[in-house]
Protein backbone atom coordinates (compact mmCIF):
# COMPACT_ATOMS: atom_id res chain seq x y z
CA MET A 1 -38.31 7.53 7.61
CA ALA A 2 -38.30 10.60 10.36
CA SER A 3 -41.06 12.64 10.40
CA SER A 4 -40.48 16.08 9.24
CA PRO A 5 -40.50 18.67 11.70
CA SER A 6 -43.86 20.28 10.90
CA PHE A 7 -45.43 17.26 11.09
CA GLN A 8 -43.86 16.29 15.12
CA PRO A 9 -46.66 18.77 16.78
CA LEU A 10 -49.15 17.20 14.70
CA ILE A 11 -48.10 13.55 15.60
CA LYS A 12 -47.89 14.69 19.42
CA LEU A 13 -51.32 15.68 19.53
CA ILE A 14 -52.62 12.42 18.14
CA LEU A 15 -50.59 10.37 20.51
CA LEU A 16 -51.94 12.09 23.92
CA THR A 17 -55.07 12.02 22.27
CA PHE A 18 -55.09 8.77 22.06
CA LEU A 19 -53.11 8.27 26.09
CA LEU A 20 -55.84 10.38 27.01
CA GLY A 21 -58.62 8.08 25.11
CA LEU A 22 -56.73 5.21 27.24
CA ALA A 23 -57.09 6.65 30.68
CA ARG A 24 -60.71 7.55 30.13
CA SER A 25 -61.23 4.06 28.92
CA LYS A 26 -60.60 2.52 32.37
CA PRO A 27 -62.77 3.95 34.91
CA LEU A 28 -63.31 3.71 38.09
CA LYS A 29 -66.33 1.57 38.34
CA GLY A 30 -65.86 -1.62 40.14
CA ARG A 31 -62.01 -0.83 40.93
CA TYR A 32 -62.82 -0.78 44.52
CA LYS A 33 -64.97 -2.67 46.92
CA ALA A 34 -65.18 -0.11 49.52
CA ILE A 35 -63.45 3.07 51.00
CA TYR A 36 -62.27 4.23 54.31
CA CYS A 37 -61.83 7.75 54.54
CA ILE A 38 -59.92 9.92 57.55
CA GLY A 39 -60.15 13.88 57.45
CA ASP A 40 -62.26 16.97 58.48
CA SER A 41 -64.58 19.01 56.92
CA LEU A 42 -63.82 18.58 52.95
CA ALA A 43 -64.55 15.06 53.83
CA ASP A 44 -67.12 14.37 56.60
CA THR A 45 -70.51 13.01 55.68
CA GLY A 46 -72.17 13.29 59.31
CA ASN A 47 -69.96 12.38 61.61
CA LEU A 48 -69.83 15.77 63.69
CA ALA A 49 -73.51 16.11 63.37
CA ALA A 50 -73.74 12.39 64.94
CA TYR A 51 -71.62 13.48 67.54
CA ASN A 52 -73.00 16.78 68.62
CA ALA A 53 -76.94 17.95 67.12
CA THR A 54 -76.23 21.34 68.07
CA ASN A 55 -73.28 21.44 65.60
CA THR A 56 -75.26 20.30 62.42
CA PRO A 57 -75.22 22.47 59.97
CA PRO A 58 -78.64 23.65 59.23
CA PHE A 59 -80.53 23.67 55.92
CA PRO A 60 -79.72 25.08 52.89
CA TYR A 61 -76.68 23.14 53.98
CA GLY A 62 -77.52 20.33 51.58
CA GLU A 63 -80.03 21.73 49.65
CA THR A 64 -78.70 21.12 46.11
CA TYR A 65 -78.34 17.28 45.98
CA PHE A 66 -79.89 15.76 49.11
CA HIS A 67 -82.48 18.98 49.59
CA ARG A 68 -81.86 18.37 53.53
CA SER A 69 -79.20 18.75 55.73
CA THR A 70 -77.19 16.08 56.13
CA GLY A 71 -74.01 16.95 58.14
CA ARG A 72 -72.13 17.47 54.72
CA TYR A 73 -70.58 21.26 54.93
CA SER A 74 -71.80 22.09 51.68
CA ASN A 75 -74.82 22.91 49.63
CA GLY A 76 -74.44 19.05 48.38
CA ARG A 77 -71.84 16.09 47.73
CA LEU A 78 -68.27 16.19 48.85
CA ILE A 79 -65.31 14.86 46.75
CA ILE A 80 -65.29 11.52 48.63
CA ASP A 81 -69.11 11.68 47.60
CA PHE A 82 -68.46 11.49 43.74
CA ILE A 83 -65.39 9.56 43.83
CA ALA A 84 -68.07 6.59 45.62
CA GLN A 85 -70.37 7.48 42.62
CA GLU A 86 -67.93 7.05 40.27
CA ILE A 87 -66.64 3.45 41.61
CA GLY A 88 -70.41 2.73 41.65
CA LEU A 89 -70.46 2.14 45.54
CA PRO A 90 -73.43 3.82 47.93
CA PHE A 91 -72.36 6.92 49.90
CA ILE A 92 -69.93 5.72 52.81
CA PRO A 93 -71.82 6.22 56.22
CA PRO A 94 -70.12 7.90 58.42
CA TYR A 95 -68.85 6.18 61.29
CA LEU A 96 -70.41 7.72 64.51
CA GLY A 97 -73.92 7.75 62.42
CA GLY A 98 -73.94 3.98 62.46
CA PRO A 99 -73.82 1.57 60.04
CA GLY A 100 -77.32 2.66 58.25
CA ARG A 101 -78.95 0.41 55.79
CA HIS A 102 -76.19 -0.60 53.80
CA GLY A 103 -74.19 -1.64 57.11
CA PHE A 104 -70.44 -0.75 56.56
CA LYS A 105 -70.27 -3.23 53.74
CA TRP A 106 -68.63 -0.88 51.74
CA GLY A 107 -66.56 0.83 54.02
CA ALA A 108 -66.74 3.82 56.60
CA ASN A 109 -65.91 7.38 57.04
CA PHE A 110 -64.13 8.47 60.08
CA ALA A 111 -63.62 12.63 59.13
CA VAL A 112 -64.64 15.20 61.55
CA SER A 113 -65.40 18.47 60.60
CA GLY A 114 -63.09 20.86 62.73
CA ALA A 115 -60.51 17.72 63.19
CA THR A 116 -57.05 18.86 63.67
CA ALA A 117 -53.54 16.88 62.49
CA LEU A 118 -52.15 17.51 65.64
CA PRO A 119 -53.48 15.90 69.23
CA VAL A 120 -56.08 17.86 71.37
CA SER A 121 -53.55 17.98 74.01
CA PHE A 122 -50.85 19.54 72.04
CA LEU A 123 -52.71 22.57 71.25
CA GLN A 124 -54.17 22.86 74.69
CA ALA A 125 -50.53 22.71 76.01
CA MET A 126 -49.97 25.94 73.55
CA GLY A 127 -52.97 27.79 75.06
CA ILE A 128 -55.35 26.97 72.18
CA THR A 129 -58.72 25.91 72.09
CA PRO A 130 -59.67 22.95 69.14
CA LEU A 131 -62.77 23.27 67.04
CA VAL A 132 -63.38 19.79 68.52
CA PRO A 133 -61.52 17.10 70.41
CA MET A 134 -61.35 14.73 67.43
CA SER A 135 -57.96 14.58 66.00
CA LEU A 136 -56.90 12.69 63.61
CA ASP A 137 -55.24 10.35 66.28
CA VAL A 138 -59.08 10.08 67.57
CA GLN A 139 -59.93 9.13 64.11
CA LEU A 140 -57.48 6.44 63.61
CA GLY A 141 -58.44 5.04 67.49
CA TRP A 142 -62.00 4.52 65.81
CA PHE A 143 -60.57 3.06 62.85
CA LYS A 144 -58.67 0.34 64.82
CA LYS A 145 -62.14 -0.55 66.88
CA PHE A 146 -63.78 -0.67 63.91
CA LEU A 147 -61.44 -3.28 62.80
CA ARG A 148 -61.94 -5.47 65.64
CA SER A 149 -65.85 -5.59 64.55
CA ILE A 150 -64.97 -6.31 60.69
CA CYS A 151 -62.41 -8.55 60.93
CA THR A 152 -62.28 -11.64 61.98
CA SER A 153 -58.29 -12.25 61.63
CA THR A 154 -55.49 -10.32 59.81
CA ALA A 155 -55.75 -12.37 56.79
CA SER A 156 -59.42 -11.50 56.47
CA CYS A 157 -58.88 -7.85 56.72
CA ASN A 158 -55.76 -7.96 54.35
CA TYR A 159 -57.75 -9.35 51.54
CA HIS A 160 -60.38 -6.78 51.91
CA PHE A 161 -58.70 -3.81 52.17
CA TYR A 162 -56.76 -5.04 49.23
CA GLU A 163 -59.58 -4.20 47.16
CA SER A 164 -60.58 -1.09 49.32
CA LEU A 165 -59.56 2.83 48.51
CA PHE A 166 -58.26 4.66 51.43
CA ILE A 167 -58.43 8.45 51.37
CA VAL A 168 -56.26 10.34 53.91
CA SER A 169 -58.53 13.54 53.51
CA GLU A 170 -57.23 17.33 53.71
CA PHE A 171 -55.88 17.69 57.43
CA GLY A 172 -54.21 21.00 58.56
CA ILE A 173 -56.66 23.74 58.04
CA ASN A 174 -58.12 23.65 61.27
CA ASP A 175 -54.91 23.42 63.05
CA TYR A 176 -53.71 26.97 61.59
CA ASP A 177 -57.30 28.16 61.39
CA THR A 178 -57.60 27.67 64.78
CA MET A 179 -54.23 29.68 66.03
CA LEU A 180 -54.26 32.10 63.48
CA LEU A 181 -57.43 33.01 65.39
CA GLN A 182 -55.92 32.56 68.54
CA GLY A 183 -52.89 34.66 68.89
CA ILE A 184 -50.06 32.61 66.49
CA ASN A 185 -49.06 35.22 64.25
CA LYS A 186 -48.82 34.69 60.00
CA THR A 187 -44.81 34.04 60.72
CA GLN A 188 -45.35 31.76 63.49
CA ILE A 189 -47.45 29.60 61.80
CA ARG A 190 -45.20 28.05 59.10
CA THR A 191 -43.11 26.80 62.30
CA PHE A 192 -45.97 24.30 63.24
CA VAL A 193 -46.28 22.99 59.54
CA PRO A 194 -43.66 20.03 59.49
CA PRO A 195 -45.48 18.75 63.07
CA VAL A 196 -48.55 18.61 61.22
CA ILE A 197 -47.41 16.99 58.07
CA LYS A 198 -45.36 14.47 60.21
CA LYS A 199 -49.10 13.76 61.99
CA ILE A 200 -50.11 12.90 58.40
CA ARG A 201 -47.37 10.67 57.48
CA ARG A 202 -47.56 8.32 60.85
CA ALA A 203 -51.34 8.15 59.87
CA ILE A 204 -50.12 6.83 56.19
CA ASP A 205 -47.66 4.40 58.09
CA THR A 206 -50.49 3.10 60.43
CA LEU A 207 -53.10 2.49 58.07
CA ILE A 208 -50.82 0.92 55.86
CA LYS A 209 -49.48 -1.47 59.13
CA HIS A 210 -53.57 -2.27 59.34
CA GLY A 211 -53.89 -3.22 55.70
CA ALA A 212 -54.04 -0.43 53.59
CA ARG A 213 -52.29 -0.79 49.73
CA THR A 214 -54.30 2.07 47.94
CA MET A 215 -54.29 5.74 49.18
CA ILE A 216 -54.97 8.77 48.45
CA VAL A 217 -53.69 11.66 50.12
CA GLY A 218 -55.04 15.10 49.96
CA GLY A 219 -53.28 17.66 49.63
CA SER A 220 -54.08 21.65 51.31
CA ILE A 221 -56.79 24.17 49.11
CA PRO A 222 -55.31 27.65 48.59
CA LEU A 223 -56.18 29.23 51.83
CA GLY A 224 -55.39 32.54 50.24
CA CYS A 225 -58.23 32.22 47.87
CA THR A 226 -60.64 31.36 50.76
CA PRO A 227 -63.11 34.33 51.76
CA ILE A 228 -62.80 33.67 54.94
CA TYR A 229 -59.28 34.29 55.27
CA LEU A 230 -59.49 37.37 52.59
CA THR A 231 -62.30 38.57 54.87
CA LEU A 232 -60.17 38.31 58.15
CA PHE A 233 -56.84 39.55 56.83
CA SER A 234 -57.84 41.96 54.41
CA THR A 235 -55.24 44.66 53.77
CA GLN A 236 -55.16 47.97 51.19
CA ASN A 237 -51.63 47.27 50.14
CA ARG A 238 -52.46 45.45 46.47
CA ASP A 239 -49.06 43.87 46.90
CA ASP A 240 -50.09 41.23 49.50
CA TYR A 241 -52.06 39.88 47.18
CA GLU A 242 -51.62 37.51 43.60
CA PRO A 243 -52.39 39.54 40.14
CA GLY A 244 -54.92 37.49 38.02
CA THR A 245 -56.44 36.01 41.12
CA GLY A 246 -56.98 38.36 43.71
CA CYS A 247 -55.62 36.22 46.71
CA LEU A 248 -53.84 36.60 49.61
CA LYS A 249 -49.95 35.54 48.90
CA TRP A 250 -49.42 34.86 52.40
CA ALA A 251 -52.08 32.64 52.90
CA ASN A 252 -51.60 30.42 49.32
CA GLU A 253 -47.33 30.35 50.38
CA LEU A 254 -48.59 28.73 53.65
CA SER A 255 -50.51 26.58 51.81
CA GLU A 256 -48.04 25.69 49.12
CA TYR A 257 -45.50 25.05 51.94
CA HIS A 258 -47.63 22.24 53.53
CA ASP A 259 -48.02 20.89 50.23
CA HIS A 260 -44.20 20.81 49.33
CA LEU A 261 -43.42 19.23 52.74
CA LEU A 262 -46.45 16.47 52.53
CA GLN A 263 -45.53 15.51 48.91
CA LYS A 264 -41.71 15.00 50.50
CA GLU A 265 -43.15 12.54 52.88
CA ILE A 266 -45.53 10.83 50.21
CA GLN A 267 -42.24 10.16 48.49
CA LEU A 268 -40.30 8.48 51.60
CA ALA A 269 -43.61 6.44 52.27
CA ARG A 270 -43.42 4.92 48.95
CA LYS A 271 -40.25 3.85 49.41
CA LYS A 272 -40.77 2.49 52.61
CA HIS A 273 -43.94 0.83 51.29
CA SER A 274 -43.28 0.03 47.94
CA HIS A 275 -46.06 -2.70 47.53
CA VAL A 276 -48.37 0.19 48.20
CA THR A 277 -49.87 2.95 46.02
CA ILE A 278 -50.17 6.01 47.61
CA ALA A 279 -51.47 8.79 45.53
CA PHE A 280 -51.07 12.86 46.27
CA ALA A 281 -54.09 14.29 45.42
CA ASP A 282 -52.96 17.90 44.39
CA TYR A 283 -56.70 20.26 45.17
CA TYR A 284 -54.87 23.33 45.27
CA SER A 285 -53.49 23.34 41.36
CA ILE A 286 -57.06 22.24 40.78
CA LEU A 287 -58.32 24.98 42.81
CA LYS A 288 -56.05 27.74 41.42
CA LEU A 289 -56.76 27.01 37.78
CA VAL A 290 -60.11 27.88 38.87
CA PHE A 291 -59.62 30.94 40.05
CA ARG A 292 -57.54 31.82 37.49
CA SER A 293 -59.93 31.22 34.59
CA PRO A 294 -63.72 30.36 36.59
CA SER A 295 -65.94 30.84 33.57
CA GLU A 296 -63.50 27.73 31.30
CA TYR A 297 -64.60 25.49 34.37
CA GLY A 298 -68.50 26.86 34.85
CA PHE A 299 -68.40 29.38 37.57
CA SER A 300 -69.42 33.48 37.77
CA ARG A 301 -66.17 35.30 35.71
CA GLY A 302 -65.54 37.99 38.66
CA ARG A 303 -67.36 36.34 41.52
CA ALA A 304 -64.62 33.32 42.24
CA LEU A 305 -63.77 34.63 45.30
CA ILE A 306 -67.15 35.40 47.06
CA ALA A 307 -69.16 33.05 49.55
CA CYS A 308 -72.56 31.74 48.22
CA CYS A 309 -74.03 31.18 51.66
CA GLY A 310 -72.89 34.08 53.93
CA GLY A 311 -73.75 37.63 55.58
CA GLY A 312 -72.70 40.09 53.38
CA GLY A 313 -69.48 42.23 52.74
CA PRO A 314 -66.94 41.98 50.15
CA TYR A 315 -67.00 38.20 50.37
CA ASN A 316 -70.03 37.88 51.71
CA VAL A 317 -68.74 36.80 54.83
CA ASN A 318 -70.04 38.35 58.52
CA MET A 319 -67.54 36.97 61.15
CA THR A 320 -69.63 39.04 63.66
CA ASN A 321 -72.12 36.14 63.19
CA GLY A 322 -69.71 33.09 62.68
CA LEU A 323 -68.75 31.77 59.64
CA GLY A 324 -71.02 32.50 56.92
CA ASN A 325 -73.45 33.85 59.17
CA THR A 326 -75.41 30.39 58.63
CA GLY A 327 -78.73 30.09 60.57
CA ASN A 328 -79.11 34.24 61.31
CA ASN A 329 -81.46 36.35 59.45
CA GLY A 330 -79.10 38.11 57.85
CA LEU A 331 -78.24 35.16 55.44
CA ARG A 332 -77.69 35.91 51.67
CA ILE A 333 -77.82 32.99 49.79
CA CYS A 334 -76.65 33.01 45.92
CA ARG A 335 -79.36 32.08 43.30
CA ASP A 336 -77.31 29.22 41.83
CA PRO A 337 -74.56 27.77 43.76
CA SER A 338 -73.17 25.83 40.73
CA THR A 339 -71.88 29.63 39.48
CA LEU A 340 -69.81 30.02 42.39
CA VAL A 341 -66.80 27.84 43.98
CA SER A 342 -66.79 28.45 48.08
CA TRP A 343 -70.53 27.57 49.86
CA ASP A 344 -70.03 29.31 53.13
CA GLY A 345 -66.26 31.15 53.34
CA LEU A 346 -64.15 27.71 53.88
CA HIS A 347 -66.27 25.35 52.74
CA LEU A 348 -67.02 24.33 49.01
CA THR A 349 -69.95 24.28 46.94
CA GLU A 350 -70.84 20.83 45.14
CA ALA A 351 -69.61 22.20 41.74
CA ALA A 352 -66.10 23.15 42.93
CA TYR A 353 -65.68 19.26 44.69
CA ARG A 354 -67.29 17.94 41.71
CA VAL A 355 -64.48 19.74 39.40
CA ILE A 356 -61.48 18.72 41.85
CA ALA A 357 -62.78 14.73 41.89
CA ARG A 358 -63.06 15.00 38.08
CA GLY A 359 -59.35 16.10 38.10
CA LEU A 360 -58.47 13.57 40.20
CA SER A 361 -59.87 10.35 38.34
CA GLU A 362 -59.53 11.79 35.08
CA GLY A 363 -56.86 14.77 35.14
CA PRO A 364 -53.30 14.94 35.93
CA TYR A 365 -53.97 15.98 39.91
CA SER A 366 -53.40 12.75 41.17
CA VAL A 367 -50.21 11.27 41.15
CA PRO A 368 -50.56 8.33 40.23
CA PRO A 369 -53.75 8.80 38.83
CA LEU A 370 -56.82 7.12 40.43
CA ALA A 371 -57.60 5.55 36.80
């Protein structure tokens, strides 16, 4: 007999609860034997610090979890760290830092803070000086060199990578930031999104060519909600800001455009590589929910757009002394970083990275889900 209309919502709720229970009964623990990652500061666990000691973020970076600076641009763990812990792996060592006590047995991280998707030569030809010379192509070069050190044959690599998780963390933020700060206007910047996305797509194809079988590709964070953008591009026009979040419309539209093109390329990559699982990590949607309802995620209402570690001002960002005013006498650090989303004006707090990682492993923000 068909169920009556009054019972249908209850049945749907029970079914949804059951399905969520199934999803949570299949944790990530033990699913992968190694993690390999390329990306920028959202994933860098120490490569820039190993490359140039003068660029090592000073304490209080790392204060919450590690109680010392580790080269991570946060107060604690990043998304890759939370994923590794959930899988049951040690923290993945930065490639430039060497294998460490565990060796590269459980993977390697090639991500570098400040890295761009577009090649350094491309940007320099435009008169743009990138933050670091380690673009996406450079990281792929390191990966190929790394392969020669661990693989005795193509078959041995394929067997190892079959049980590995590949992370293509966020790329593009540094391209857009650097261009905007060096003379490219807000209208022109959109014309560089397609070549950025094409570079990411080529990286996906390259990793698959060398054996990747499970991959998660990170999208953009909502740039218009970052304290540094809100400080640099502040305006008196209320129409320039989103109702409900207070974020800059044009900058978030840039992030949305980036993610739209990226998801289209991922769909094409799935069709071309039907034997590979390619998931899109929707950082943007997770964080927009946080900015709309911060208290529901454990963050302070009314302070979601303020940096924890900074140099004062409406968003606690003082650009005259560098990002977040770190290492200067005017440094202002919040008492409890877990109540704020932004750590230093651009990078996130450990608490925010935890929310993203949970959304990828448990929630609907990884398509298909990691678990």
